């Protein structure tokens, strides 16, 4: 799968995804400080699922109607890299086929899917 990992999500997540064989663009490593509007545009143009901890992307999708190829919003009390990886591991094992074109909120105990049009 193709992912764009937001700067706030961190380099550990990007490295883990790469180790699992995914095509990853890491904002932290490759474009620190770029604006959210450029992040969502780039992920869409490159056919990447955006992984972020930034709730602002919900507004970009639902208020501004920004097109995307899928967004995974991590909503975690424990923001450590290993916890993010644990949640993403479970998400990919159970729902990989459902991630494209969805807005997904992934928490430690639950996953919620919302379509682009919601």
PDB file of N, CA and C in Angstrom:
ATOM      1  N   UNK A   1       0.852  -1.182   0.000  1.00  0.00           N
ATOM      2  CA  UNK A   1       0.000   0.000   0.000  1.00  0.00           C
ATOM      3  C   UNK A   1       0.889   1.234   0.000  1.00  0.00           C
ATOM      4  N   UNK A   2       0.289   2.337  -0.412  1.00  0.00           N
ATOM      5  CA  UNK A   2       1.003   3.619  -0.444  1.00  0.00           C
ATOM      6  C   UNK A   2       0.474   4.509   0.680  1.00  0.00           C
ATOM      7  N   UNK A   3       1.402   5.022   1.498  1.00  0.00           N
ATOM      8  CA  UNK A   3       1.029   5.861   2.628  1.00  0.00           C
ATOM      9  C   UNK A   3       1.800   7.170   2.620  1.00  0.00           C
ATOM     10  N   UNK A   4       1.184   8.184   3.179  1.00  0.00           N
ATOM     11  CA  UNK A   4       1.858   9.427   3.510  1.00  0.00           C
ATOM     12  C   UNK A   4       1.702   9.576   5.025  1.00  0.00           C
ATOM     13  N   UNK A   5       2.828   9.602   5.733  1.00  0.00           N
ATOM     14  CA  UNK A   5       2.810   9.685   7.186  1.00  0.00           C
ATOM     15  C   UNK A   5       3.073  11.134   7.581  1.00  0.00           C
ATOM     16  N   UNK A   6       2.111  11.728   8.266  1.00  0.00           N
ATOM     17  CA  UNK A   6       2.194  13.120   8.687  1.00  0.00           C
ATOM     18  C   UNK A   6       3.344  13.306   9.679  1.00  0.00           C
ATOM     19  N   UNK A   7       3.841  14.513   9.731  1.00  0.00           N
ATOM     20  CA  UNK A   7       4.960  14.847  10.610  1.00  0.00           C
ATOM     21  C   UNK A   7       4.657  14.524  12.076  1.00  0.00           C
ATOM     22  N   UNK A   8       3.450  14.824  12.528  1.00  0.00           N
ATOM     23  CA  UNK A   8       3.082  14.603  13.924  1.00  0.00           C
ATOM     24  C   UNK A   8       2.988  13.115  14.276  1.00  0.00           C
ATOM     25  N   UNK A   9       2.849  12.289  13.282  1.00  0.00           N
ATOM     26  CA  UNK A   9       2.756  10.848  13.522  1.00  0.00           C
ATOM     27  C   UNK A   9       4.145  10.253  13.743  1.00  0.00           C
ATOM     28  N   UNK A  10       5.141  10.855  13.135  1.00  0.00           N
ATOM     29  CA  UNK A  10       6.521  10.534  13.454  1.00  0.00           C
ATOM     30  C   UNK A  10       7.224   9.536  12.565  1.00  0.00           C
ATOM     31  N   UNK A  11       8.557   9.544  12.668  1.00  0.00           N
ATOM     32  CA  UNK A  11       9.384   8.703  11.807  1.00  0.00           C
ATOM     33  C   UNK A  11       9.329   7.217  12.145  1.00  0.00           C
ATOM     34  N   UNK A  12       9.048   6.859  13.385  1.00  0.00           N
ATOM     35  CA  UNK A  12       9.003   5.434  13.745  1.00  0.00           C
ATOM     36  C   UNK A  12       7.904   4.715  12.972  1.00  0.00           C
ATOM     37  N   UNK A  13       6.755   5.368  12.833  1.00  0.00           N
ATOM     38  CA  UNK A  13       5.640   4.775  12.082  1.00  0.00           C
ATOM     39  C   UNK A  13       6.029   4.614  10.619  1.00  0.00           C
ATOM     40  N   UNK A  14       6.642   5.639  10.047  1.00  0.00           N
ATOM     41  CA  UNK A  14       7.054   5.572   8.643  1.00  0.00           C
ATOM     42  C   UNK A  14       8.060   4.441   8.431  1.00  0.00           C
ATOM     43  N   UNK A  15       9.039   4.325   9.306  1.00  0.00           N
ATOM     44  CA  UNK A  15      10.043   3.260   9.176  1.00  0.00           C
ATOM     45  C   UNK A  15       9.398   1.878   9.296  1.00  0.00           C
ATOM     46  N   UNK A  16       8.470   1.732  10.248  1.00  0.00           N
ATOM     47  CA  UNK A  16       7.800   0.440  10.430  1.00  0.00           C
ATOM     48  C   UNK A  16       7.024   0.047   9.171  1.00  0.00           C
ATOM     49  N   UNK A  17       6.291   1.000   8.600  1.00  0.00           N
ATOM     50  CA  UNK A  17       5.535   0.718   7.380  1.00  0.00           C
ATOM     51  C   UNK A  17       6.463   0.330   6.232  1.00  0.00           C
ATOM     52  N   UNK A  18       7.580   1.035   6.109  1.00  0.00           N
ATOM     53  CA  UNK A  18       8.554   0.694   5.070  1.00  0.00           C
ATOM     54  C   UNK A  18       9.108  -0.714   5.281  1.00  0.00           C
ATOM     55  N   UNK A  19       9.407  -1.067   6.533  1.00  0.00           N
ATOM     56  CA  UNK A  19       9.909  -2.410   6.842  1.00  0.00           C
ATOM     57  C   UNK A  19       8.901  -3.491   6.468  1.00  0.00           C
ATOM     58  N   UNK A  20       7.623  -3.145   6.494  1.00  0.00           N
ATOM     59  CA  UNK A  20       6.559  -4.079   6.125  1.00  0.00           C
ATOM     60  C   UNK A  20       6.320  -4.106   4.617  1.00  0.00           C
ATOM     61  N   UNK A  21       7.127  -3.357   3.857  1.00  0.00           N
ATOM     62  CA  UNK A  21       7.058  -3.402   2.402  1.00  0.00           C
ATOM     63  C   UNK A  21       6.159  -2.370   1.753  1.00  0.00           C
ATOM     64  N   UNK A  22       5.672  -1.404   2.527  1.00  0.00           N
ATOM     65  CA  UNK A  22       4.797  -0.378   1.973  1.00  0.00           C
ATOM     66  C   UNK A  22       5.610   0.762   1.372  1.00  0.00           C
ATOM     67  N   UNK A  23       5.012   1.459   0.428  1.00  0.00           N
ATOM     68  CA  UNK A  23       5.590   2.648  -0.190  1.00  0.00           C
ATOM     69  C   UNK A  23       5.191   3.834   0.685  1.00  0.00           C
ATOM     70  N   UNK A  24       6.165   4.502   1.294  1.00  0.00           N
ATOM     71  CA  UNK A  24       5.875   5.519   2.306  1.00  0.00           C
ATOM     72  C   UNK A  24       6.571   6.834   1.980  1.00  0.00           C
ATOM     73  N   UNK A  25       5.810   7.917   2.080  1.00  0.00           N
ATOM     74  CA  UNK A  25       6.378   9.268   2.083  1.00  0.00           C
ATOM     75  C   UNK A  25       6.227   9.781   3.506  1.00  0.00           C
ATOM     76  N   UNK A  26       7.334  10.177   4.131  1.00  0.00           N
ATOM     77  CA  UNK A  26       7.334  10.673   5.498  1.00  0.00           C
ATOM     78  C   UNK A  26       7.513  12.187   5.503  1.00  0.00           C
ATOM     79  N   UNK A  27       6.504  12.914   5.972  1.00  0.00           N
ATOM     80  CA  UNK A  27       6.619  14.366   6.072  1.00  0.00           C
ATOM     81  C   UNK A  27       7.753  14.722   7.035  1.00  0.00           C
ATOM     82  N   UNK A  28       7.877  13.985   8.123  1.00  0.00           N
ATOM     83  CA  UNK A  28       8.917  14.238   9.119  1.00  0.00           C
ATOM     84  C   UNK A  28      10.308  14.208   8.473  1.00  0.00           C
ATOM     85  N   UNK A  29      10.544  13.218   7.633  1.00  0.00           N
ATOM     86  CA  UNK A  29      11.861  13.044   7.018  1.00  0.00           C
ATOM     87  C   UNK A  29      12.059  13.846   5.739  1.00  0.00           C
ATOM     88  N   UNK A  30      11.005  13.991   4.942  1.00  0.00           N
ATOM     89  CA  UNK A  30      11.172  14.504   3.591  1.00  0.00           C
ATOM     90  C   UNK A  30      10.614  15.898   3.327  1.00  0.00           C
ATOM     91  N   UNK A  31       9.743  16.401   4.199  1.00  0.00           N
ATOM     92  CA  UNK A  31       9.152  17.730   3.951  1.00  0.00           C
ATOM     93  C   UNK A  31       8.649  18.354   5.252  1.00  0.00           C
ATOM     94  N   UNK A  32       9.499  18.448   6.272  1.00  0.00           N
ATOM     95  CA  UNK A  32       9.020  18.977   7.550  1.00  0.00           C
ATOM     96  C   UNK A  32       8.467  20.397   7.417  1.00  0.00           C
ATOM     97  N   UNK A  33       7.377  20.626   8.134  1.00  0.00           N
ATOM     98  CA  UNK A  33       6.805  21.966   8.168  1.00  0.00           C
ATOM     99  C   UNK A  33       5.846  22.314   7.039  1.00  0.00           C
ATOM    100  N   UNK A  34       5.585  21.419   6.095  1.00  0.00           N
ATOM    101  CA  UNK A  34       4.659  21.779   5.019  1.00  0.00           C
ATOM    102  C   UNK A  34       3.234  21.870   5.558  1.00  0.00           C
ATOM    103  N   UNK A  35       2.450  22.688   4.909  1.00  0.00           N
ATOM    104  CA  UNK A  35       1.083  22.966   5.353  1.00  0.00           C
ATOM    105  C   UNK A  35       0.169  21.762   5.153  1.00  0.00           C
ATOM    106  N   UNK A  36      -0.853  21.681   6.011  1.00  0.00           N
ATOM    107  CA  UNK A  36      -1.827  20.593   5.907  1.00  0.00           C
ATOM    108  C   UNK A  36      -2.464  20.529   4.521  1.00  0.00           C
ATOM    109  N   UNK A  37      -2.737  21.690   3.933  1.00  0.00           N
ATOM    110  CA  UNK A  37      -3.364  21.699   2.598  1.00  0.00           C
ATOM    111  C   UNK A  37      -2.459  21.032   1.563  1.00  0.00           C
ATOM    112  N   UNK A  38      -1.155  21.222   1.690  1.00  0.00           N
ATOM    113  CA  UNK A  38      -0.223  20.572   0.766  1.00  0.00           C
ATOM    114  C   UNK A  38      -0.107  19.079   1.055  1.00  0.00           C
ATOM    115  N   UNK A  39      -0.219  18.714   2.324  1.00  0.00           N
ATOM    116  CA  UNK A  39      -0.140  17.302   2.698  1.00  0.00           C
ATOM    117  C   UNK A  39      -1.314  16.531   2.105  1.00  0.00           C
ATOM    118  N   UNK A  40      -2.524  17.046   2.293  1.00  0.00           N
ATOM    119  CA  UNK A  40      -3.693  16.312   1.787  1.00  0.00           C
ATOM    120  C   UNK A  40      -3.703  16.305   0.260  1.00  0.00           C
ATOM    121  N   UNK A  41      -3.269  17.393  -0.353  1.00  0.00           N
ATOM    122  CA  UNK A  41      -3.206  17.438  -1.823  1.00  0.00           C
ATOM    123  C   UNK A  41      -2.185  16.426  -2.337  1.00  0.00           C
ATOM    124  N   UNK A  42      -1.015  16.391  -1.726  1.00  0.00           N
ATOM    125  CA  UNK A  42       0.024  15.463  -2.170  1.00  0.00           C
ATOM    126  C   UNK A  42      -0.435  14.016  -1.997  1.00  0.00           C
ATOM    127  N   UNK A  43      -1.042  13.702  -0.855  1.00  0.00           N
ATOM    128  CA  UNK A  43      -1.482  12.323  -0.640  1.00  0.00           C
ATOM    129  C   UNK A  43      -2.506  11.917  -1.693  1.00  0.00           C
ATOM    130  N   UNK A  44      -3.399  12.850  -2.061  1.00  0.00           N
ATOM    131  CA  UNK A  44      -4.399  12.552  -3.088  1.00  0.00           C
ATOM    132  C   UNK A  44      -3.747  12.387  -4.460  1.00  0.00           C
ATOM    133  N   UNK A  45      -2.884  13.327  -4.828  1.00  0.00           N
ATOM    134  CA  UNK A  45      -2.243  13.280  -6.142  1.00  0.00           C
ATOM    135  C   UNK A  45      -1.393  12.031  -6.327  1.00  0.00           C
ATOM    136  N   UNK A  46      -0.795  11.541  -5.234  1.00  0.00           N
ATOM    137  CA  UNK A  46       0.087  10.385  -5.316  1.00  0.00           C
ATOM    138  C   UNK A  46      -0.621   9.069  -4.969  1.00  0.00           C
ATOM    139  N   UNK A  47      -1.925   9.146  -4.699  1.00  0.00           N
ATOM    140  CA  UNK A  47      -2.678   7.938  -4.378  1.00  0.00           C
ATOM    141  C   UNK A  47      -2.251   7.291  -3.074  1.00  0.00           C
ATOM    142  N   UNK A  48      -1.972   8.121  -2.076  1.00  0.00           N
ATOM    143  CA  UNK A  48      -1.501   7.631  -0.783  1.00  0.00           C
ATOM    144  C   UNK A  48      -2.572   7.801   0.290  1.00  0.00           C
ATOM    145  N   UNK A  49      -2.620   6.870   1.208  1.00  0.00           N
ATOM    146  CA  UNK A  49      -3.471   6.982   2.385  1.00  0.00           C
ATOM    147  C   UNK A  49      -2.699   7.792   3.419  1.00  0.00           C
ATOM    148  N   UNK A  50      -3.299   8.842   3.901  1.00  0.00           N
ATOM    149  CA  UNK A  50      -2.670   9.715   4.884  1.00  0.00           C
ATOM    150  C   UNK A  50      -2.862   9.138   6.285  1.00  0.00           C
ATOM    151  N   UNK A  51      -1.772   9.040   7.036  1.00  0.00           N
ATOM    152  CA  UNK A  51      -1.831   8.635   8.439  1.00  0.00           C
ATOM    153  C   UNK A  51      -1.427   9.842   9.269  1.00  0.00           C
ATOM    154  N   UNK A  52      -2.301  10.247  10.198  1.00  0.00           N
ATOM    155  CA  UNK A  52      -2.071  11.464  10.962  1.00  0.00           C
ATOM    156  C   UNK A  52      -2.646  11.358  12.367  1.00  0.00           C
ATOM    157  N   UNK A  53      -2.194  12.250  13.221  1.00  0.00           N
ATOM    158  CA  UNK A  53      -2.772  12.430  14.552  1.00  0.00           C
ATOM    159  C   UNK A  53      -3.514  13.769  14.607  1.00  0.00           C
ATOM    160  N   UNK A  54      -3.539  14.490  13.516  1.00  0.00           N
ATOM    161  CA  UNK A  54      -4.049  15.857  13.447  1.00  0.00           C
ATOM    162  C   UNK A  54      -5.537  15.876  13.089  1.00  0.00           C
ATOM    163  N   UNK A  55      -6.372  16.284  14.056  1.00  0.00           N
ATOM    164  CA  UNK A  55      -7.828  16.331  13.844  1.00  0.00           C
ATOM    165  C   UNK A  55      -8.235  17.342  12.778  1.00  0.00           C
ATOM    166  N   UNK A  56      -7.360  18.277  12.433  1.00  0.00           N
ATOM    167  CA  UNK A  56      -7.697  19.281  11.422  1.00  0.00           C
ATOM    168  C   UNK A  56      -8.042  18.665  10.073  1.00  0.00           C
ATOM    169  N   UNK A  57      -7.563  17.460   9.808  1.00  0.00           N
ATOM    170  CA  UNK A  57      -7.867  16.833   8.524  1.00  0.00           C
ATOM    171  C   UNK A  57      -9.342  16.445   8.407  1.00  0.00           C
ATOM    172  N   UNK A  58     -10.007  16.259   9.521  1.00  0.00           N
ATOM    173  CA  UNK A  58     -11.451  16.037   9.476  1.00  0.00           C
ATOM    174  C   UNK A  58     -12.157  17.245   8.883  1.00  0.00           C
ATOM    175  N   UNK A  59     -11.743  18.446   9.282  1.00  0.00           N
ATOM    176  CA  UNK A  59     -12.303  19.673   8.719  1.00  0.00           C
ATOM    177  C   UNK A  59     -11.984  19.824   7.246  1.00  0.00           C
ATOM    178  N   UNK A  60     -10.783  19.438   6.872  1.00  0.00           N
ATOM    179  CA  UNK A  60     -10.399  19.545   5.457  1.00  0.00           C
ATOM    180  C   UNK A  60     -11.280  18.629   4.595  1.00  0.00           C
ATOM    181  N   UNK A  61     -11.600  17.464   5.109  1.00  0.00           N
ATOM    182  CA  UNK A  61     -12.407  16.514   4.343  1.00  0.00           C
ATOM    183  C   UNK A  61     -13.885  16.893   4.370  1.00  0.00           C
ATOM    184  N   UNK A  62     -14.424  17.160   5.552  1.00  0.00           N
ATOM    185  CA  UNK A  62     -15.875  17.319   5.680  1.00  0.00           C
ATOM    186  C   UNK A  62     -16.372  18.739   5.521  1.00  0.00           C
ATOM    187  N   UNK A  63     -15.577  19.740   5.866  1.00  0.00           N
ATOM    188  CA  UNK A  63     -16.011  21.132   5.657  1.00  0.00           C
ATOM    189  C   UNK A  63     -15.526  21.681   4.325  1.00  0.00           C
ATOM    190  N   UNK A  64     -14.249  21.451   4.046  1.00  0.00           N
ATOM    191  CA  UNK A  64     -13.648  21.999   2.826  1.00  0.00           C
ATOM    192  C   UNK A  64     -13.796  21.073   1.622  1.00  0.00           C
ATOM    193  N   UNK A  65     -14.230  19.852   1.859  1.00  0.00           N
ATOM    194  CA  UNK A  65     -14.431  18.861   0.792  1.00  0.00           C
ATOM    195  C   UNK A  65     -13.146  18.553   0.022  1.00  0.00           C
ATOM    196  N   UNK A  66     -12.017  18.536   0.727  1.00  0.00           N
ATOM    197  CA  UNK A  66     -10.742  18.191   0.090  1.00  0.00           C
ATOM    198  C   UNK A  66     -10.769  16.730  -0.348  1.00  0.00           C
ATOM    199  N   UNK A  67     -10.398  16.470  -1.588  1.00  0.00           N
ATOM    200  CA  UNK A  67     -10.368  15.078  -2.047  1.00  0.00           C
ATOM    201  C   UNK A  67      -9.212  14.335  -1.380  1.00  0.00           C
ATOM    202  N   UNK A  68      -9.393  13.036  -1.190  1.00  0.00           N
ATOM    203  CA  UNK A  68      -8.346  12.211  -0.593  1.00  0.00           C
ATOM    204  C   UNK A  68      -8.511  10.775  -1.060  1.00  0.00           C
ATOM    205  N   UNK A  69      -7.480   9.992  -0.801  1.00  0.00           N
ATOM    206  CA  UNK A  69      -7.501   8.565  -1.148  1.00  0.00           C
ATOM    207  C   UNK A  69      -7.656   7.691   0.082  1.00  0.00           C
ATOM    208  N   UNK A  70      -7.877   8.328   1.202  1.00  0.00           N
ATOM    209  CA  UNK A  70      -8.027   7.639   2.472  1.00  0.00           C
ATOM    210  C   UNK A  70      -7.238   8.365   3.551  1.00  0.00           C
ATOM    211  N   UNK A  71      -7.827   8.432   4.735  1.00  0.00           N
ATOM    212  CA  UNK A  71      -7.162   9.064   5.872  1.00  0.00           C
ATOM    213  C   UNK A  71      -7.365   8.178   7.085  1.00  0.00           C
ATOM    214  N   UNK A  72      -6.276   7.937   7.798  1.00  0.00           N
ATOM    215  CA  UNK A  72      -6.324   7.239   9.081  1.00  0.00           C
ATOM    216  C   UNK A  72      -5.955   8.261  10.143  1.00  0.00           C
ATOM    217  N   UNK A  73      -6.926   8.594  10.978  1.00  0.00           N
ATOM    218  CA  UNK A  73      -6.713   9.528  12.081  1.00  0.00           C
ATOM    219  C   UNK A  73      -6.498   8.708  13.350  1.00  0.00           C
ATOM    220  N   UNK A  74      -5.306   8.797  13.908  1.00  0.00           N
ATOM    221  CA  UNK A  74      -4.993   8.092  15.141  1.00  0.00           C
ATOM    222  C   UNK A  74      -5.417   8.945  16.333  1.00  0.00           C
ATOM    223  N   UNK A  75      -6.308   8.435  17.155  1.00  0.00           N
ATOM    224  CA  UNK A  75      -6.810   9.138  18.343  1.00  0.00           C
ATOM    225  C   UNK A  75      -6.409   8.314  19.562  1.00  0.00           C
ATOM    226  N   UNK A  76      -5.213   8.597  20.060  1.00  0.00           N
ATOM    227  CA  UNK A  76      -4.643   7.770  21.105  1.00  0.00           C
ATOM    228  C   UNK A  76      -4.289   8.589  22.335  1.00  0.00           C
ATOM    229  N   UNK A  77      -4.544   8.027  23.501  1.00  0.00           N
ATOM    230  CA  UNK A  77      -4.115   8.667  24.736  1.00  0.00           C
ATOM    231  C   UNK A  77      -2.612   8.553  24.903  1.00  0.00           C
ATOM    232  N   UNK A  78      -2.057   7.423  24.487  1.00  0.00           N
ATOM    233  CA  UNK A  78      -0.626   7.174  24.545  1.00  0.00           C
ATOM    234  C   UNK A  78      -0.062   7.425  23.148  1.00  0.00           C
ATOM    235  N   UNK A  79       0.674   8.520  22.993  1.00  0.00           N
ATOM    236  CA  UNK A  79       1.181   8.930  21.679  1.00  0.00           C
ATOM    237  C   UNK A  79       2.577   8.373  21.361  1.00  0.00           C
ATOM    238  N   UNK A  80       3.055   7.428  22.127  1.00  0.00           N
ATOM    239  CA  UNK A  80       4.374   6.853  21.850  1.00  0.00           C
ATOM    240  C   UNK A  80       4.349   6.095  20.527  1.00  0.00           C
ATOM    241  N   UNK A  81       5.497   6.106  19.860  1.00  0.00           N
ATOM    242  CA  UNK A  81       5.608   5.454  18.566  1.00  0.00           C
ATOM    243  C   UNK A  81       5.185   4.002  18.580  1.00  0.00           C
ATOM    244  N   UNK A  82       5.584   3.257  19.605  1.00  0.00           N
ATOM    245  CA  UNK A  82       5.238   1.835  19.668  1.00  0.00           C
ATOM    246  C   UNK A  82       3.733   1.629  19.803  1.00  0.00           C
ATOM    247  N   UNK A  83       3.046   2.511  20.487  1.00  0.00           N
ATOM    248  CA  UNK A  83       1.594   2.399  20.605  1.00  0.00           C
ATOM    249  C   UNK A  83       0.927   2.688  19.261  1.00  0.00           C
ATOM    250  N   UNK A  84       1.413   3.705  18.548  1.00  0.00           N
ATOM    251  CA  UNK A  84       0.881   4.002  17.220  1.00  0.00           C
ATOM    252  C   UNK A  84       1.062   2.797  16.297  1.00  0.00           C
ATOM    253  N   UNK A  85       2.236   2.195  16.349  1.00  0.00           N
ATOM    254  CA  UNK A  85       2.531   1.031  15.515  1.00  0.00           C
ATOM    255  C   UNK A  85       1.618  -0.136  15.882  1.00  0.00           C
ATOM    256  N   UNK A  86       1.387  -0.348  17.151  1.00  0.00           N
ATOM    257  CA  UNK A  86       0.511  -1.429  17.593  1.00  0.00           C
ATOM    258  C   UNK A  86      -0.903  -1.258  17.041  1.00  0.00           C
ATOM    259  N   UNK A  87      -1.424  -0.033  17.105  1.00  0.00           N
ATOM    260  CA  UNK A  87      -2.770   0.240  16.585  1.00  0.00           C
ATOM    261  C   UNK A  87      -2.792   0.068  15.066  1.00  0.00           C
ATOM    262  N   UNK A  88      -1.764   0.550  14.384  1.00  0.00           N
ATOM    263  CA  UNK A  88      -1.709   0.407  12.928  1.00  0.00           C
ATOM    264  C   UNK A  88      -1.547  -1.055  12.509  1.00  0.00           C
ATOM    265  N   UNK A  89      -0.782  -1.814  13.257  1.00  0.00           N
ATOM    266  CA  UNK A  89      -0.623  -3.241  12.952  1.00  0.00           C
ATOM    267  C   UNK A  89      -1.984  -3.932  12.972  1.00  0.00           C
ATOM    268  N   UNK A  90      -2.733  -3.694  14.034  1.00  0.00           N
ATOM    269  CA  UNK A  90      -4.066  -4.299  14.142  1.00  0.00           C
ATOM    270  C   UNK A  90      -4.979  -3.807  13.019  1.00  0.00           C
ATOM    271  N   UNK A  91      -4.916  -2.515  12.727  1.00  0.00           N
ATOM    272  CA  UNK A  91      -5.750  -1.935  11.666  1.00  0.00           C
ATOM    273  C   UNK A  91      -5.439  -2.592  10.322  1.00  0.00           C
ATOM    274  N   UNK A  92      -4.175  -2.742   9.999  1.00  0.00           N
ATOM    275  CA  UNK A  92      -3.797  -3.350   8.725  1.00  0.00           C
ATOM    276  C   UNK A  92      -4.132  -4.837   8.680  1.00  0.00           C
ATOM    277  N   UNK A  93      -3.966  -5.532   9.777  1.00  0.00           N
ATOM    278  CA  UNK A  93      -4.296  -6.959   9.806  1.00  0.00           C
ATOM    279  C   UNK A  93      -5.786  -7.201   9.604  1.00  0.00           C
ATOM    280  N   UNK A  94      -6.613  -6.346  10.181  1.00  0.00           N
ATOM    281  CA  UNK A  94      -8.051  -6.577  10.162  1.00  0.00           C
ATOM    282  C   UNK A  94      -8.800  -5.826   9.057  1.00  0.00           C
ATOM    283  N   UNK A  95      -8.271  -4.679   8.619  1.00  0.00           N
ATOM    284  CA  UNK A  95      -9.058  -3.813   7.742  1.00  0.00           C
ATOM    285  C   UNK A  95      -8.315  -3.273   6.526  1.00  0.00           C
ATOM    286  N   UNK A  96      -7.181  -3.805   6.163  1.00  0.00           N
ATOM    287  CA  UNK A  96      -6.384  -3.233   5.073  1.00  0.00           C
ATOM    288  C   UNK A  96      -7.204  -2.980   3.811  1.00  0.00           C
ATOM    289  N   UNK A  97      -8.049  -3.900   3.445  1.00  0.00           N
ATOM    290  CA  UNK A  97      -8.843  -3.757   2.233  1.00  0.00           C
ATOM    291  C   UNK A  97      -9.901  -2.678   2.293  1.00  0.00           C
ATOM    292  N   UNK A  98     -10.224  -2.222   3.477  1.00  0.00           N
ATOM    293  CA  UNK A  98     -11.263  -1.197   3.640  1.00  0.00           C
ATOM    294  C   UNK A  98     -10.705   0.226   3.761  1.00  0.00           C
ATOM    295  N   UNK A  99      -9.390   0.384   3.830  1.00  0.00           N
ATOM    296  CA  UNK A  99      -8.811   1.706   4.077  1.00  0.00           C
ATOM    297  C   UNK A  99      -8.914   2.681   2.900  1.00  0.00           C
ATOM    298  N   UNK A 100      -8.722   2.244   1.656  1.00  0.00           N
ATOM    299  CA  UNK A 100      -8.779   3.217   0.565  1.00  0.00           C
ATOM    300  C   UNK A 100     -10.110   3.972   0.518  1.00  0.00           C
ATOM    301  N   UNK A 101      -9.996   5.269   0.306  1.00  0.00           N
ATOM    302  CA  UNK A 101     -11.144   6.174   0.131  1.00  0.00           C
ATOM    303  C   UNK A 101     -12.008   6.337   1.371  1.00  0.00           C
ATOM    304  N   UNK A 102     -11.521   5.932   2.521  1.00  0.00           N
ATOM    305  CA  UNK A 102     -12.285   6.058   3.759  1.00  0.00           C
ATOM    306  C   UNK A 102     -11.597   7.034   4.708  1.00  0.00           C
ATOM    307  N   UNK A 103     -12.391   7.637   5.570  1.00  0.00           N
ATOM    308  CA  UNK A 103     -11.865   8.396   6.700  1.00  0.00           C
ATOM    309  C   UNK A 103     -12.024   7.463   7.894  1.00  0.00           C
ATOM    310  N   UNK A 104     -10.895   7.053   8.465  1.00  0.00           N
ATOM    311  CA  UNK A 104     -10.884   6.050   9.527  1.00  0.00           C
ATOM    312  C   UNK A 104     -10.339   6.684  10.798  1.00  0.00           C
ATOM    313  N   UNK A 105     -11.068   6.519  11.874  1.00  0.00           N
ATOM    314  CA  UNK A 105     -10.593   6.962  13.180  1.00  0.00           C
ATOM    315  C   UNK A 105     -10.202   5.706  13.947  1.00  0.00           C
ATOM    316  N   UNK A 106      -8.912   5.614  14.266  1.00  0.00           N
ATOM    317  CA  UNK A 106      -8.399   4.431  14.954  1.00  0.00           C
ATOM    318  C   UNK A 106      -7.967   4.811  16.364  1.00  0.00           C
ATOM    319  N   UNK A 107      -8.613   4.201  17.334  1.00  0.00           N
ATOM    320  CA  UNK A 107      -8.269   4.384  18.741  1.00  0.00           C
ATOM    321  C   UNK A 107      -7.709   3.066  19.261  1.00  0.00           C
ATOM    322  N   UNK A 108      -7.263   3.078  20.500  1.00  0.00           N
ATOM    323  CA  UNK A 108      -6.667   1.868  21.075  1.00  0.00           C
ATOM    324  C   UNK A 108      -7.648   0.702  21.095  1.00  0.00           C
ATOM    325  N   UNK A 109      -8.919   0.978  21.326  1.00  0.00           N
ATOM    326  CA  UNK A 109      -9.904  -0.097  21.495  1.00  0.00           C
ATOM    327  C   UNK A 109     -10.929  -0.205  20.373  1.00  0.00           C
ATOM    328  N   UNK A 110     -10.980   0.769  19.469  1.00  0.00           N
ATOM    329  CA  UNK A 110     -12.000   0.691  18.419  1.00  0.00           C
ATOM    330  C   UNK A 110     -11.552   1.384  17.143  1.00  0.00           C
ATOM    331  N   UNK A 111     -12.236   1.025  16.053  1.00  0.00           N
ATOM    332  CA  UNK A 111     -11.995   1.607  14.740  1.00  0.00           C
ATOM    333  C   UNK A 111     -13.341   2.037  14.187  1.00  0.00           C
ATOM    334  N   UNK A 112     -13.393   3.275  13.670  1.00  0.00           N
ATOM    335  CA  UNK A 112     -14.632   3.776  13.093  1.00  0.00           C
ATOM    336  C   UNK A 112     -14.358   4.222  11.659  1.00  0.00           C
ATOM    337  N   UNK A 113     -15.197   3.756  10.725  1.00  0.00           N
ATOM    338  CA  UNK A 113     -15.085   4.107   9.309  1.00  0.00           C
ATOM    339  C   UNK A 113     -16.173   5.115   8.951  1.00  0.00           C
ATOM    340  N   UNK A 114     -15.793   6.110   8.160  1.00  0.00           N
ATOM    341  CA  UNK A 114     -16.742   7.073   7.621  1.00  0.00           C
ATOM    342  C   UNK A 114     -16.399   7.286   6.152  1.00  0.00           C
ATOM    343  N   UNK A 115     -17.375   7.301   5.297  1.00  0.00           N
ATOM    344  CA  UNK A 115     -17.102   7.512   3.875  1.00  0.00           C
ATOM    345  C   UNK A 115     -16.730   8.962   3.637  1.00  0.00           C
ATOM    346  N   UNK A 116     -16.185   9.255   2.464  1.00  0.00           N
ATOM    347  CA  UNK A 116     -15.821  10.627   2.103  1.00  0.00           C
ATOM    348  C   UNK A 116     -17.029  11.552   2.135  1.00  0.00           C
ATOM    349  N   UNK A 117     -18.195  11.031   1.813  1.00  0.00           N
ATOM    350  CA  UNK A 117     -19.387  11.858   1.650  1.00  0.00           C
ATOM    351  C   UNK A 117     -20.117  12.125   2.954  1.00  0.00           C
ATOM    352  N   UNK A 118     -19.725  11.496   4.028  1.00  0.00           N
ATOM    353  CA  UNK A 118     -20.471  11.628   5.290  1.00  0.00           C
ATOM    354  C   UNK A 118     -20.571  13.070   5.761  1.00  0.00           C
TER     355      UNK A 118
END
